């Protein structure tokens, strides 16, 4: 279900979908989950924590882009 929503959102941004669209986002995704409070040893966390972690990652990415330290 979540993959379907992500595919629809991706299609609305770039007008095409391929199997290679999400490559390179693994580290950011794992980082967002860890920042959100999921335990690495047990893998227990909350959806709200993960969403907060993703928001923090987005703020960090935007801040670095604004500081010209990271290209889009």
Protein backbone atom coordinates (compact mmCIF):
# COMPACT_ATOMS: atom_id res chain seq x y z
CA UNK A 1 0.00 0.00 0.00
CA UNK A 2 2.76 2.45 0.95
CA UNK A 3 4.69 1.57 -2.21
CA UNK A 4 1.62 2.32 -4.32
CA UNK A 5 1.22 5.75 -2.70
CA UNK A 6 4.93 6.45 -3.19
CA UNK A 7 4.70 5.44 -6.86
CA UNK A 8 1.73 7.76 -7.43
CA UNK A 9 3.57 10.64 -5.77
CA UNK A 10 6.71 9.95 -7.81
CA UNK A 11 4.65 9.83 -11.01
CA UNK A 12 3.13 13.21 -10.20
CA UNK A 13 6.61 14.74 -9.87
CA UNK A 14 8.46 13.32 -12.86
CA UNK A 15 5.74 11.91 -15.17
CA UNK A 16 7.42 8.50 -15.40
CA UNK A 17 8.20 5.51 -13.20
CA UNK A 18 11.04 3.02 -13.60
CA UNK A 19 12.38 0.24 -11.44
CA UNK A 20 15.50 2.28 -10.64
CA UNK A 21 13.73 5.32 -9.12
CA UNK A 22 14.48 4.65 -5.44
CA UNK A 23 18.12 3.66 -5.74
CA UNK A 24 20.40 5.57 -3.42
CA UNK A 25 17.79 6.34 -0.77
CA UNK A 26 18.64 3.35 1.44
CA UNK A 27 21.07 5.19 3.72
CA UNK A 28 18.70 8.16 4.13
CA UNK A 29 15.83 5.82 4.95
CA UNK A 30 17.82 3.88 7.54
CA UNK A 31 19.07 7.15 9.03
CA UNK A 32 15.53 8.50 9.33
CA UNK A 33 14.38 5.33 11.08
CA UNK A 34 17.32 5.45 13.51
CA UNK A 35 16.82 9.17 14.22
CA UNK A 36 13.15 8.35 14.86
CA UNK A 37 14.13 6.08 17.72
CA UNK A 38 14.00 2.56 16.30
CA UNK A 39 16.37 0.25 18.17
CA UNK A 40 19.06 -1.31 16.01
CA UNK A 41 19.25 -4.36 18.25
CA UNK A 42 15.56 -5.21 18.32
CA UNK A 43 14.04 -3.24 15.49
CA UNK A 44 11.18 -1.93 17.60
CA UNK A 45 10.00 1.58 16.88
CA UNK A 46 6.94 3.67 16.19
CA UNK A 47 5.47 5.10 13.02
CA UNK A 48 5.39 8.57 14.59
CA UNK A 49 9.07 8.34 15.48
CA UNK A 50 9.95 7.33 11.94
CA UNK A 51 7.94 10.25 10.52
CA UNK A 52 9.74 12.62 12.88
CA UNK A 53 13.06 11.12 11.81
CA UNK A 54 12.14 11.64 8.15
CA UNK A 55 11.19 15.25 8.89
CA UNK A 56 14.53 15.82 10.62
CA UNK A 57 16.35 14.34 7.63
CA UNK A 58 14.40 16.64 5.31
CA UNK A 59 15.27 19.70 7.39
CA UNK A 60 18.94 18.69 7.43
CA UNK A 61 18.96 18.14 3.66
CA UNK A 62 17.30 21.50 2.97
CA UNK A 63 19.65 23.27 5.37
CA UNK A 64 22.70 21.79 3.67
CA UNK A 65 21.38 22.71 0.23
CA UNK A 66 20.79 26.27 1.39
CA UNK A 67 24.33 26.40 2.73
CA UNK A 68 25.55 25.12 -0.67
CA UNK A 69 27.16 22.11 0.98
CA UNK A 70 25.06 19.46 -0.76
CA UNK A 71 23.78 19.49 -4.33
CA UNK A 72 20.28 18.34 -5.19
